[in-house]
């Protein structure tokens, strides 16, 4: 398991992950951009052996004029591989979060199962979330899917929570926390997951 927390208060951070997986090998990586520094996450994963497994994802949380970017490409070069990319982005103020997730399936990589889920949440309409899922499939016996959506907090849910006595900022934090949760709950280690969740909660306190 590979877990990365980007919580620097300033500056710029650039990460690059390269991995080639042999037969039956796996990689599971989760990232959290929860600081105020700009960041760029790049990854190139090749499933070179039969039955490889890759799970790559996380959450980017941006505020102020901050910019965070992520670009991941998973190449299925052998049969029976699985890959899952699940990313969540939350943008406040005039910040920008950008996510690009690509899956390439080679002609002989039959029985591939590839999934991409990209979702963005705007806390203010002055913020920007850019999502770019991409599939390049050259095999004919595969199961691949992708989805990308950008939206705002559910106004009806906010109204309901406020009508039950929950302050607006707290209601926004609870809904945003739930939005990010599915990107972090995949972390198998309880201690590591708790640290990621604490960072996300601290970001919400600053942003809302």
N, C-alpha and C. Protein backbone atom coordinates (compact mmCIF):
# COMPACT_ATOMS: atom_id res chain seq x y z
N UNK A 1 0.84 -1.20 0.00
CA UNK A 1 0.00 0.00 0.00
C UNK A 1 0.88 1.24 0.00
N UNK A 2 0.54 2.21 -0.82
CA UNK A 2 1.28 3.46 -0.95
C UNK A 2 0.33 4.59 -0.59
N UNK A 3 0.63 5.32 0.49
CA UNK A 3 -0.25 6.40 0.94
C UNK A 3 0.55 7.69 1.08
N UNK A 4 0.07 8.75 0.44
CA UNK A 4 0.81 10.02 0.40
C UNK A 4 -0.11 11.15 0.84
N UNK A 5 0.33 11.91 1.86
CA UNK A 5 -0.41 13.08 2.34
C UNK A 5 0.39 14.33 1.98
N UNK A 6 -0.24 15.20 1.20
CA UNK A 6 0.39 16.47 0.82
C UNK A 6 -0.23 17.56 1.69
N UNK A 7 0.45 17.94 2.76
CA UNK A 7 -0.13 18.88 3.72
C UNK A 7 0.78 20.10 3.95
N UNK A 8 1.70 20.37 3.01
CA UNK A 8 2.57 21.53 3.14
C UNK A 8 1.76 22.81 3.11
N UNK A 9 2.22 23.81 3.86
CA UNK A 9 1.50 25.07 3.96
C UNK A 9 1.79 26.01 2.79
N UNK A 10 2.91 25.81 2.10
CA UNK A 10 3.25 26.71 1.00
C UNK A 10 4.22 26.02 0.05
N UNK A 11 4.48 26.69 -1.08
CA UNK A 11 5.41 26.14 -2.05
C UNK A 11 4.71 25.27 -3.08
N UNK A 12 5.48 24.35 -3.66
CA UNK A 12 4.96 23.48 -4.71
C UNK A 12 5.57 22.10 -4.55
N UNK A 13 4.75 21.08 -4.74
CA UNK A 13 5.19 19.69 -4.61
C UNK A 13 4.88 18.95 -5.91
N UNK A 14 5.86 18.20 -6.41
CA UNK A 14 5.67 17.40 -7.62
C UNK A 14 6.04 15.95 -7.32
N UNK A 15 5.13 15.02 -7.65
CA UNK A 15 5.36 13.60 -7.42
C UNK A 15 5.23 12.84 -8.72
N UNK A 16 6.05 11.80 -8.89
CA UNK A 16 5.96 10.94 -10.06
C UNK A 16 6.08 9.49 -9.62
N UNK A 17 5.11 8.67 -9.98
CA UNK A 17 5.12 7.25 -9.65
C UNK A 17 5.17 6.44 -10.94
N UNK A 18 6.13 5.53 -11.02
CA UNK A 18 6.23 4.61 -12.16
C UNK A 18 6.24 3.19 -11.60
N UNK A 19 5.39 2.33 -12.14
CA UNK A 19 5.35 0.95 -11.68
C UNK A 19 5.02 0.01 -12.83
N UNK A 20 5.72 -1.11 -12.89
CA UNK A 20 5.42 -2.18 -13.85
C UNK A 20 5.12 -3.44 -13.05
N UNK A 21 3.92 -3.96 -13.22
CA UNK A 21 3.46 -5.09 -12.42
C UNK A 21 3.60 -6.39 -13.18
N UNK A 22 4.21 -7.38 -12.54
CA UNK A 22 4.33 -8.69 -13.12
C UNK A 22 3.09 -9.53 -12.86
N UNK A 23 3.18 -10.80 -13.14
CA UNK A 23 2.03 -11.70 -13.00
C UNK A 23 1.52 -11.74 -11.57
N UNK A 24 0.22 -11.44 -11.40
CA UNK A 24 -0.41 -11.49 -10.09
C UNK A 24 0.00 -10.38 -9.13
N UNK A 25 0.79 -9.43 -9.60
CA UNK A 25 1.26 -8.35 -8.71
C UNK A 25 0.19 -7.27 -8.57
N UNK A 26 0.33 -6.45 -7.52
CA UNK A 26 -0.66 -5.40 -7.28
C UNK A 26 -0.02 -4.15 -6.72
N UNK A 27 -0.68 -3.04 -6.94
CA UNK A 27 -0.30 -1.77 -6.33
C UNK A 27 -1.58 -1.06 -5.90
N UNK A 28 -1.58 -0.53 -4.68
CA UNK A 28 -2.72 0.22 -4.14
C UNK A 28 -2.15 1.54 -3.62
N UNK A 29 -2.60 2.65 -4.17
CA UNK A 29 -2.06 3.96 -3.79
C UNK A 29 -3.19 4.95 -3.55
N UNK A 30 -3.08 5.70 -2.46
CA UNK A 30 -4.05 6.73 -2.12
C UNK A 30 -3.32 8.03 -1.82
N UNK A 31 -3.81 9.13 -2.37
CA UNK A 31 -3.20 10.44 -2.17
C UNK A 31 -4.23 11.40 -1.58
N UNK A 32 -3.74 12.32 -0.76
CA UNK A 32 -4.58 13.39 -0.25
C UNK A 32 -3.84 14.71 -0.37
N UNK A 33 -4.38 15.62 -1.17
CA UNK A 33 -3.85 16.97 -1.24
C UNK A 33 -4.66 17.84 -0.28
N UNK A 34 -4.16 18.01 0.94
CA UNK A 34 -4.92 18.71 1.96
C UNK A 34 -4.20 19.90 2.56
N UNK A 35 -3.10 20.34 1.93
CA UNK A 35 -2.39 21.52 2.41
C UNK A 35 -2.69 22.72 1.53
N UNK A 36 -1.88 23.75 1.65
CA UNK A 36 -2.07 24.96 0.87
C UNK A 36 -1.06 25.11 -0.27
N UNK A 37 -0.15 24.15 -0.39
CA UNK A 37 0.86 24.21 -1.46
C UNK A 37 0.24 23.78 -2.78
N UNK A 38 0.79 24.29 -3.87
CA UNK A 38 0.42 23.78 -5.17
C UNK A 38 1.00 22.38 -5.33
N UNK A 39 0.39 21.56 -6.18
CA UNK A 39 0.91 20.21 -6.33
C UNK A 39 0.63 19.66 -7.72
N UNK A 40 1.47 18.69 -8.09
CA UNK A 40 1.31 17.96 -9.35
C UNK A 40 1.62 16.48 -9.07
N UNK A 41 0.66 15.62 -9.32
CA UNK A 41 0.83 14.18 -9.14
C UNK A 41 0.76 13.53 -10.51
N UNK A 42 1.81 12.81 -10.88
CA UNK A 42 1.84 12.07 -12.14
C UNK A 42 2.11 10.60 -11.84
N UNK A 43 1.50 9.73 -12.63
CA UNK A 43 1.74 8.30 -12.44
C UNK A 43 1.58 7.56 -13.76
N UNK A 44 2.44 6.58 -13.95
CA UNK A 44 2.34 5.69 -15.10
C UNK A 44 2.43 4.25 -14.59
N UNK A 45 1.36 3.50 -14.71
CA UNK A 45 1.29 2.13 -14.21
C UNK A 45 1.10 1.19 -15.40
N UNK A 46 1.92 0.16 -15.49
CA UNK A 46 1.80 -0.84 -16.55
C UNK A 46 1.53 -2.19 -15.93
N UNK A 47 0.40 -2.80 -16.30
CA UNK A 47 0.09 -4.16 -15.88
C UNK A 47 0.67 -5.09 -16.93
N UNK A 48 1.93 -5.51 -16.71
CA UNK A 48 2.68 -6.26 -17.71
C UNK A 48 2.50 -7.76 -17.59
N UNK A 49 1.98 -8.23 -16.45
CA UNK A 49 1.81 -9.66 -16.24
C UNK A 49 0.35 -10.04 -16.09
N UNK A 50 0.04 -11.28 -16.37
CA UNK A 50 -1.34 -11.79 -16.28
C UNK A 50 -1.88 -11.58 -14.87
N UNK A 51 -3.11 -11.06 -14.79
CA UNK A 51 -3.80 -10.92 -13.50
C UNK A 51 -3.29 -9.81 -12.61
N UNK A 52 -2.68 -8.80 -13.17
CA UNK A 52 -2.22 -7.67 -12.35
C UNK A 52 -3.38 -6.84 -11.83
N UNK A 53 -3.14 -6.12 -10.72
CA UNK A 53 -4.20 -5.31 -10.09
C UNK A 53 -3.62 -3.95 -9.69
N UNK A 54 -4.31 -2.88 -10.08
CA UNK A 54 -3.88 -1.54 -9.72
C UNK A 54 -5.07 -0.73 -9.21
N UNK A 55 -4.90 -0.12 -8.05
CA UNK A 55 -5.90 0.81 -7.52
C UNK A 55 -5.18 2.10 -7.19
N UNK A 56 -5.60 3.19 -7.82
CA UNK A 56 -4.90 4.46 -7.70
C UNK A 56 -5.93 5.57 -7.57
N UNK A 57 -5.84 6.36 -6.50
CA UNK A 57 -6.84 7.40 -6.33
C UNK A 57 -6.56 8.27 -5.12
N UNK A 58 -7.60 9.01 -4.71
CA UNK A 58 -7.46 9.90 -3.57
C UNK A 58 -8.33 11.13 -3.71
N UNK A 59 -7.93 12.19 -3.02
CA UNK A 59 -8.73 13.42 -3.00
C UNK A 59 -7.81 14.64 -3.06
N UNK A 60 -8.23 15.62 -3.87
CA UNK A 60 -7.55 16.91 -3.94
C UNK A 60 -8.47 17.96 -3.34
N UNK A 61 -7.99 18.69 -2.35
CA UNK A 61 -8.77 19.73 -1.67
C UNK A 61 -8.05 21.05 -1.88
N UNK A 62 -8.71 21.99 -2.56
CA UNK A 62 -8.04 23.25 -2.88
C UNK A 62 -8.85 24.44 -2.37
N UNK A 63 -8.13 25.51 -2.01
CA UNK A 63 -8.79 26.73 -1.56
C UNK A 63 -7.92 27.93 -1.92
N UNK A 64 -8.44 29.13 -1.64
CA UNK A 64 -7.71 30.34 -2.01
C UNK A 64 -7.48 30.39 -3.50
N UNK A 65 -6.24 30.65 -3.93
CA UNK A 65 -5.90 30.65 -5.35
C UNK A 65 -5.05 29.43 -5.70
N UNK A 66 -5.10 28.44 -4.86
CA UNK A 66 -4.28 27.24 -5.01
C UNK A 66 -4.63 26.45 -6.27
N UNK A 67 -3.63 25.72 -6.79
CA UNK A 67 -3.83 24.82 -7.93
C UNK A 67 -3.24 23.45 -7.59
N UNK A 68 -4.05 22.42 -7.80
CA UNK A 68 -3.55 21.05 -7.66
C UNK A 68 -3.93 20.27 -8.92
N UNK A 69 -2.99 19.46 -9.39
CA UNK A 69 -3.22 18.71 -10.62
C UNK A 69 -2.80 17.26 -10.43
N UNK A 70 -3.47 16.38 -11.15
CA UNK A 70 -3.13 14.97 -11.11
C UNK A 70 -3.37 14.36 -12.49
N UNK A 71 -2.42 13.55 -12.95
CA UNK A 71 -2.56 12.85 -14.23
C UNK A 71 -2.04 11.43 -14.07
N UNK A 72 -2.92 10.45 -14.27
CA UNK A 72 -2.57 9.03 -14.08
C UNK A 72 -2.92 8.26 -15.35
N UNK A 73 -2.01 7.44 -15.81
CA UNK A 73 -2.26 6.56 -16.95
C UNK A 73 -1.96 5.13 -16.53
N UNK A 74 -2.95 4.26 -16.72
CA UNK A 74 -2.79 2.83 -16.44
C UNK A 74 -2.85 2.09 -17.77
N UNK A 75 -1.81 1.33 -18.07
CA UNK A 75 -1.77 0.56 -19.32
C UNK A 75 -1.91 -0.92 -19.02
N UNK A 76 -2.96 -1.53 -19.57
CA UNK A 76 -3.15 -2.97 -19.46
C UNK A 76 -2.44 -3.62 -20.64
N UNK A 77 -1.33 -4.30 -20.34
CA UNK A 77 -0.54 -4.92 -21.40
C UNK A 77 -0.61 -6.44 -21.36
N UNK A 78 -1.43 -7.00 -20.45
CA UNK A 78 -1.56 -8.45 -20.30
C UNK A 78 -3.00 -8.78 -19.95
N UNK A 79 -3.42 -10.03 -20.16
CA UNK A 79 -4.81 -10.41 -19.91
C UNK A 79 -5.16 -10.43 -18.41
N UNK A 80 -6.47 -10.39 -18.15
CA UNK A 80 -7.04 -10.62 -16.82
C UNK A 80 -6.63 -9.58 -15.78
N UNK A 81 -6.30 -8.40 -16.22
CA UNK A 81 -5.93 -7.35 -15.29
C UNK A 81 -7.12 -6.55 -14.79
N UNK A 82 -6.96 -5.94 -13.62
CA UNK A 82 -7.98 -5.06 -13.05
C UNK A 82 -7.34 -3.74 -12.65
N UNK A 83 -8.03 -2.65 -12.93
CA UNK A 83 -7.57 -1.35 -12.45
C UNK A 83 -8.76 -0.51 -12.02
N UNK A 84 -8.56 0.24 -10.95
CA UNK A 84 -9.61 1.11 -10.41
C UNK A 84 -8.97 2.46 -10.09
N UNK A 85 -9.55 3.51 -10.65
CA UNK A 85 -9.11 4.87 -10.33
C UNK A 85 -10.31 5.63 -9.78
N UNK A 86 -10.22 6.02 -8.53
CA UNK A 86 -11.30 6.76 -7.88
C UNK A 86 -10.72 8.03 -7.27
N UNK A 87 -11.15 9.17 -7.80
CA UNK A 87 -10.65 10.46 -7.35
C UNK A 87 -11.81 11.39 -7.00
N UNK A 88 -11.61 12.19 -5.97
CA UNK A 88 -12.56 13.22 -5.58
C UNK A 88 -11.81 14.54 -5.48
N UNK A 89 -12.42 15.62 -5.96
CA UNK A 89 -11.82 16.95 -5.89
C UNK A 89 -12.82 17.92 -5.29
N UNK A 90 -12.36 18.73 -4.35
CA UNK A 90 -13.18 19.78 -3.74
C UNK A 90 -12.44 21.10 -3.91
N UNK A 91 -13.12 22.09 -4.50
CA UNK A 91 -12.48 23.38 -4.77
C UNK A 91 -13.28 24.51 -4.15
N UNK A 92 -12.58 25.39 -3.42
CA UNK A 92 -13.21 26.55 -2.79
C UNK A 92 -12.56 27.83 -3.32
N UNK A 93 -13.21 28.96 -3.07
CA UNK A 93 -12.70 30.29 -3.43
C UNK A 93 -12.44 30.38 -4.94
N UNK A 94 -11.20 30.72 -5.35
CA UNK A 94 -10.87 30.80 -6.77
C UNK A 94 -9.85 29.73 -7.16
N UNK A 95 -9.80 28.67 -6.41
CA UNK A 95 -8.81 27.61 -6.63
C UNK A 95 -9.20 26.72 -7.81
N UNK A 96 -8.23 25.89 -8.23
CA UNK A 96 -8.45 24.97 -9.35
C UNK A 96 -7.91 23.59 -9.00
N UNK A 97 -8.73 22.58 -9.22
CA UNK A 97 -8.30 21.18 -9.09
C UNK A 97 -8.53 20.49 -10.42
N UNK A 98 -7.50 19.80 -10.91
CA UNK A 98 -7.59 19.14 -12.21
C UNK A 98 -7.21 17.68 -12.08
N UNK A 99 -8.06 16.81 -12.64
CA UNK A 99 -7.83 15.37 -12.59
C UNK A 99 -7.93 14.79 -14.00
N UNK A 100 -6.90 14.05 -14.40
CA UNK A 100 -6.92 13.33 -15.68
C UNK A 100 -6.58 11.88 -15.39
N UNK A 101 -7.47 10.97 -15.78
CA UNK A 101 -7.26 9.55 -15.53
C UNK A 101 -7.46 8.79 -16.83
N UNK A 102 -6.44 8.06 -17.26
CA UNK A 102 -6.51 7.34 -18.52
C UNK A 102 -6.29 5.85 -18.31
N UNK A 103 -6.99 5.05 -19.11
CA UNK A 103 -6.79 3.61 -19.14
C UNK A 103 -6.57 3.20 -20.59
N UNK A 104 -5.49 2.48 -20.82
CA UNK A 104 -5.18 1.96 -22.16
C UNK A 104 -5.18 0.44 -22.09
N UNK A 105 -5.90 -0.20 -22.99
CA UNK A 105 -5.98 -1.66 -23.02
C UNK A 105 -5.39 -2.15 -24.33
N UNK A 106 -4.28 -2.88 -24.26
CA UNK A 106 -3.61 -3.39 -25.45
C UNK A 106 -4.45 -4.47 -26.13
N UNK A 107 -4.14 -4.75 -27.38
CA UNK A 107 -4.95 -5.66 -28.18
C UNK A 107 -5.03 -7.06 -27.57
N UNK A 108 -3.95 -7.52 -26.96
CA UNK A 108 -3.93 -8.88 -26.41
C UNK A 108 -4.31 -8.92 -24.92
N UNK A 109 -4.69 -7.79 -24.35
CA UNK A 109 -5.05 -7.74 -22.92
C UNK A 109 -6.54 -8.04 -22.71
N UNK A 110 -6.93 -9.25 -23.14
CA UNK A 110 -8.34 -9.63 -23.01
C UNK A 110 -8.72 -9.84 -21.54
N UNK A 111 -10.02 -9.80 -21.28
CA UNK A 111 -10.57 -9.98 -19.93
C UNK A 111 -10.13 -8.88 -18.97
N UNK A 112 -9.83 -7.72 -19.50
CA UNK A 112 -9.47 -6.58 -18.65
C UNK A 112 -10.71 -5.99 -18.00
N UNK A 113 -10.56 -5.56 -16.76
CA UNK A 113 -11.63 -4.88 -16.02
C UNK A 113 -11.07 -3.55 -15.55
N UNK A 114 -11.50 -2.47 -16.19
CA UNK A 114 -10.99 -1.15 -15.84
C UNK A 114 -12.10 -0.19 -15.46
N UNK A 115 -11.90 0.56 -14.39
CA UNK A 115 -12.95 1.47 -13.89
C UNK A 115 -12.32 2.80 -13.50
N UNK A 116 -13.00 3.89 -13.87
CA UNK A 116 -12.59 5.24 -13.47
C UNK A 116 -13.79 5.98 -12.91
N UNK A 117 -13.62 6.62 -11.78
CA UNK A 117 -14.67 7.43 -11.17
C UNK A 117 -14.05 8.75 -10.73
N UNK A 118 -14.43 9.83 -11.43
CA UNK A 118 -13.92 11.17 -11.13
C UNK A 118 -15.10 12.06 -10.77
N UNK A 119 -15.05 12.67 -9.60
CA UNK A 119 -16.14 13.56 -9.18
C UNK A 119 -15.56 14.82 -8.56
N UNK A 120 -16.19 15.95 -8.89
CA UNK A 120 -15.73 17.23 -8.36
C UNK A 120 -16.85 17.95 -7.64
N UNK A 121 -16.47 18.71 -6.62
CA UNK A 121 -17.43 19.49 -5.82
C UNK A 121 -16.94 20.93 -5.73
N UNK A 122 -17.80 21.86 -6.14
CA UNK A 122 -17.49 23.29 -6.04
C UNK A 122 -18.14 23.87 -4.80
N UNK A 123 -17.33 24.42 -3.90
CA UNK A 123 -17.88 25.07 -2.72
C UNK A 123 -18.31 26.50 -3.02
N UNK A 124 -17.69 27.09 -4.03
CA UNK A 124 -18.13 28.38 -4.58
C UNK A 124 -18.05 28.30 -6.10
N UNK A 125 -18.90 29.06 -6.76
CA UNK A 125 -18.90 29.01 -8.23
C UNK A 125 -17.70 29.70 -8.86
N UNK A 126 -16.92 30.39 -8.06
CA UNK A 126 -15.69 31.01 -8.57
C UNK A 126 -14.55 30.00 -8.66
N UNK A 127 -14.74 28.82 -8.07
CA UNK A 127 -13.72 27.77 -8.11
C UNK A 127 -13.88 26.94 -9.39
N UNK A 128 -12.86 26.14 -9.69
CA UNK A 128 -12.86 25.34 -10.91
C UNK A 128 -12.40 23.92 -10.63
N UNK A 129 -13.13 22.96 -11.18
CA UNK A 129 -12.70 21.56 -11.17
C UNK A 129 -12.70 21.06 -12.61
N UNK A 130 -11.55 20.58 -13.07
CA UNK A 130 -11.42 20.01 -14.41
C UNK A 130 -11.25 18.50 -14.31
N UNK A 131 -12.10 17.76 -15.01
CA UNK A 131 -12.04 16.30 -14.99
C UNK A 131 -11.88 15.77 -16.41
N UNK A 132 -10.98 14.81 -16.58
CA UNK A 132 -10.76 14.24 -17.91
C UNK A 132 -10.52 12.73 -17.81
N UNK A 133 -11.59 11.93 -17.86
CA UNK A 133 -11.40 10.49 -17.96
C UNK A 133 -11.14 10.10 -19.42
N UNK A 134 -10.35 9.04 -19.63
CA UNK A 134 -10.01 8.66 -21.00
C UNK A 134 -9.84 7.15 -21.09
N UNK A 135 -10.46 6.55 -22.09
CA UNK A 135 -10.33 5.12 -22.37
C UNK A 135 -9.77 4.92 -23.77
N UNK A 136 -8.75 4.08 -23.89
CA UNK A 136 -8.22 3.67 -25.19
C UNK A 136 -8.23 2.14 -25.20
N UNK A 137 -9.17 1.55 -25.91
CA UNK A 137 -9.37 0.11 -25.85
C UNK A 137 -9.12 -0.50 -27.23
N UNK A 138 -8.16 -1.43 -27.27
CA UNK A 138 -7.83 -2.11 -28.52
C UNK A 138 -8.20 -3.60 -28.47
N UNK A 139 -8.61 -4.09 -27.30
CA UNK A 139 -9.07 -5.48 -27.16
C UNK A 139 -10.59 -5.51 -27.30
N UNK A 140 -11.14 -6.70 -27.54
CA UNK A 140 -12.58 -6.78 -27.76
C UNK A 140 -13.34 -7.53 -26.67
N UNK A 141 -12.65 -8.07 -25.66
CA UNK A 141 -13.31 -8.79 -24.58
C UNK A 141 -12.90 -8.16 -23.25
N UNK A 142 -13.49 -6.99 -22.97
CA UNK A 142 -13.11 -6.22 -21.79
C UNK A 142 -14.36 -5.66 -21.11
N UNK A 143 -14.17 -5.23 -19.88
CA UNK A 143 -15.22 -4.53 -19.14
C UNK A 143 -14.61 -3.24 -18.59
N UNK A 144 -14.90 -2.13 -19.25
CA UNK A 144 -14.33 -0.85 -18.85
C UNK A 144 -15.44 0.19 -18.72
N UNK A 145 -15.31 1.05 -17.73
CA UNK A 145 -16.32 2.10 -17.51
C UNK A 145 -15.64 3.33 -16.92
N UNK A 146 -16.23 4.49 -17.24
CA UNK A 146 -15.72 5.70 -16.61
C UNK A 146 -16.88 6.68 -16.40
N UNK A 147 -16.71 7.52 -15.40
CA UNK A 147 -17.71 8.55 -15.12
C UNK A 147 -17.05 9.78 -14.57
N UNK A 148 -17.61 10.96 -14.91
CA UNK A 148 -17.07 12.22 -14.43
C UNK A 148 -18.21 13.21 -14.22
N UNK A 149 -18.30 13.77 -13.02
CA UNK A 149 -19.34 14.75 -12.70
C UNK A 149 -18.76 15.86 -11.84
N UNK A 150 -19.26 17.07 -12.05
CA UNK A 150 -18.91 18.22 -11.21
C UNK A 150 -20.20 18.89 -10.76
N UNK A 151 -20.32 19.20 -9.48
CA UNK A 151 -21.53 19.82 -8.99
C UNK A 151 -21.28 20.62 -7.72
N UNK A 152 -22.37 21.05 -7.10
CA UNK A 152 -22.31 21.81 -5.86
C UNK A 152 -23.00 21.01 -4.76
N UNK A 153 -22.88 21.47 -3.54
CA UNK A 153 -23.57 20.82 -2.43
C UNK A 153 -25.07 20.85 -2.66
N UNK A 154 -25.74 19.80 -2.27
CA UNK A 154 -27.19 19.68 -2.44
C UNK A 154 -27.90 20.72 -1.57
N UNK A 155 -28.56 21.67 -2.21
CA UNK A 155 -29.23 22.74 -1.48
C UNK A 155 -30.33 22.20 -0.57
N UNK A 156 -31.03 21.17 -1.03
CA UNK A 156 -32.11 20.60 -0.21
C UNK A 156 -31.56 19.92 1.04
N UNK A 157 -30.45 19.23 0.88
CA UNK A 157 -29.83 18.59 2.04
C UNK A 157 -29.33 19.63 3.04
N UNK A 158 -28.76 20.72 2.51
CA UNK A 158 -28.31 21.81 3.40
C UNK A 158 -29.48 22.41 4.15
N UNK A 159 -30.58 22.68 3.44
CA UNK A 159 -31.77 23.27 4.07
C UNK A 159 -32.32 22.34 5.15
N UNK A 160 -32.38 21.05 4.84
CA UNK A 160 -32.91 20.08 5.81
C UNK A 160 -32.06 20.07 7.07
N UNK A 161 -30.73 20.02 6.92
CA UNK A 161 -29.85 19.96 8.08
C UNK A 161 -29.94 21.24 8.90
N UNK A 162 -30.04 22.41 8.22
CA UNK A 162 -30.16 23.66 8.96
C UNK A 162 -31.50 23.75 9.68
N UNK A 163 -32.54 23.18 9.07
CA UNK A 163 -33.86 23.19 9.72
C UNK A 163 -33.88 22.32 10.97
N UNK A 164 -32.89 21.44 11.10
CA UNK A 164 -32.78 20.59 12.29
C UNK A 164 -31.79 21.16 13.29
N UNK A 165 -31.41 22.42 13.07
CA UNK A 165 -30.57 23.10 14.05
C UNK A 165 -29.07 23.00 13.81
N UNK A 166 -28.65 22.45 12.68
CA UNK A 166 -27.22 22.34 12.38
C UNK A 166 -26.76 23.61 11.68
N UNK A 167 -25.77 24.32 12.23
CA UNK A 167 -25.29 25.55 11.58
C UNK A 167 -24.84 25.28 10.15
N UNK A 168 -24.96 26.31 9.30
CA UNK A 168 -24.66 26.14 7.88
C UNK A 168 -23.25 25.61 7.64
N UNK A 169 -22.25 26.20 8.31
CA UNK A 169 -20.88 25.77 8.10
C UNK A 169 -20.69 24.31 8.49
N UNK A 170 -21.34 23.90 9.58
CA UNK A 170 -21.24 22.51 10.01
C UNK A 170 -21.93 21.58 9.02
N UNK A 171 -23.07 22.01 8.51
CA UNK A 171 -23.79 21.20 7.52
C UNK A 171 -22.95 21.05 6.25
N UNK A 172 -22.33 22.14 5.81
CA UNK A 172 -21.47 22.07 4.63
C UNK A 172 -20.30 21.12 4.86
N UNK A 173 -19.72 21.18 6.05
CA UNK A 173 -18.58 20.32 6.36
C UNK A 173 -18.98 18.85 6.36
N UNK A 174 -20.15 18.54 6.92
CA UNK A 174 -20.61 17.15 6.97
C UNK A 174 -20.85 16.60 5.57
N UNK A 175 -21.49 17.39 4.72
CA UNK A 175 -21.77 16.94 3.36
C UNK A 175 -20.48 16.79 2.54
N UNK A 176 -19.56 17.74 2.73
CA UNK A 176 -18.30 17.66 2.00
C UNK A 176 -17.47 16.48 2.48
N UNK A 177 -17.49 16.24 3.78
CA UNK A 177 -16.78 15.09 4.35
C UNK A 177 -17.30 13.78 3.77
N UNK A 178 -18.62 13.68 3.62
CA UNK A 178 -19.22 12.47 3.05
C UNK A 178 -18.81 12.31 1.59
N UNK A 179 -18.68 13.43 0.89
CA UNK A 179 -18.29 13.39 -0.52
C UNK A 179 -16.88 12.83 -0.67
N UNK A 180 -15.99 13.23 0.22
CA UNK A 180 -14.58 12.81 0.15
C UNK A 180 -14.38 11.40 0.71
N UNK A 181 -15.28 10.96 1.57
CA UNK A 181 -15.07 9.73 2.34
C UNK A 181 -14.80 8.51 1.49
N UNK A 182 -15.50 8.34 0.37
CA UNK A 182 -15.32 7.11 -0.39
C UNK A 182 -13.94 7.01 -1.04
N UNK A 183 -13.24 8.15 -1.17
CA UNK A 183 -11.88 8.10 -1.69
C UNK A 183 -10.88 7.69 -0.61
N UNK A 184 -11.22 7.90 0.65
CA UNK A 184 -10.31 7.61 1.76
C UNK A 184 -10.62 6.29 2.45
N UNK A 185 -11.87 5.86 2.40
CA UNK A 185 -12.24 4.64 3.13
C UNK A 185 -11.63 3.38 2.53
N UNK A 186 -11.04 3.49 1.34
CA UNK A 186 -10.38 2.35 0.72
C UNK A 186 -9.04 2.04 1.37
N UNK A 187 -8.54 2.95 2.20
CA UNK A 187 -7.27 2.71 2.89
C UNK A 187 -7.48 1.61 3.92
N UNK A 188 -6.75 0.53 3.79
CA UNK A 188 -6.98 -0.63 4.64
C UNK A 188 -6.46 -0.49 6.06
N UNK A 189 -5.38 0.27 6.25
CA UNK A 189 -4.78 0.44 7.57
C UNK A 189 -5.55 1.49 8.37
N UNK A 190 -6.07 1.12 9.53
CA UNK A 190 -6.91 2.02 10.32
C UNK A 190 -6.17 3.27 10.76
N UNK A 191 -4.90 3.12 11.15
CA UNK A 191 -4.12 4.27 11.63
C UNK A 191 -3.88 5.25 10.49
N UNK A 192 -3.50 4.74 9.33
CA UNK A 192 -3.25 5.60 8.18
C UNK A 192 -4.54 6.28 7.73
N UNK A 193 -5.61 5.52 7.69
CA UNK A 193 -6.89 6.11 7.27
C UNK A 193 -7.32 7.23 8.23
N UNK A 194 -7.13 7.02 9.52
CA UNK A 194 -7.50 8.04 10.51
C UNK A 194 -6.68 9.32 10.31
N UNK A 195 -5.41 9.17 9.97
CA UNK A 195 -4.56 10.34 9.73
C UNK A 195 -5.04 11.12 8.51
N UNK A 196 -5.41 10.41 7.45
CA UNK A 196 -5.94 11.07 6.25
C UNK A 196 -7.24 11.79 6.56
N UNK A 197 -8.12 11.14 7.30
CA UNK A 197 -9.41 11.74 7.64
C UNK A 197 -9.23 12.97 8.52
N UNK A 198 -8.26 12.93 9.43
CA UNK A 198 -7.98 14.10 10.28
C UNK A 198 -7.49 15.28 9.45
N UNK A 199 -6.65 15.00 8.46
CA UNK A 199 -6.17 16.07 7.57
C UNK A 199 -7.33 16.67 6.77
N UNK A 200 -8.23 15.81 6.28
CA UNK A 200 -9.38 16.30 5.53
C UNK A 200 -10.28 17.17 6.42
N UNK A 201 -10.49 16.74 7.64
CA UNK A 201 -11.32 17.52 8.57
C UNK A 201 -10.68 18.87 8.89
N UNK A 202 -9.36 18.87 9.05
CA UNK A 202 -8.65 20.13 9.33
C UNK A 202 -8.78 21.08 8.15
N UNK A 203 -8.70 20.54 6.94
CA UNK A 203 -8.88 21.39 5.74
C UNK A 203 -10.28 22.00 5.71
N UNK A 204 -11.27 21.21 6.03
CA UNK A 204 -12.65 21.70 6.01
C UNK A 204 -12.85 22.83 7.02
N UNK A 205 -12.21 22.71 8.17
CA UNK A 205 -12.34 23.77 9.18
C UNK A 205 -11.76 25.08 8.67
N UNK A 206 -10.70 24.99 7.87
CA UNK A 206 -10.08 26.20 7.33
C UNK A 206 -10.86 26.76 6.14
N UNK A 207 -11.44 25.88 5.35
CA UNK A 207 -12.07 26.30 4.10
C UNK A 207 -13.49 26.79 4.25
N UNK A 208 -14.19 26.34 5.29
CA UNK A 208 -15.60 26.69 5.44
C UNK A 208 -15.83 27.70 6.56
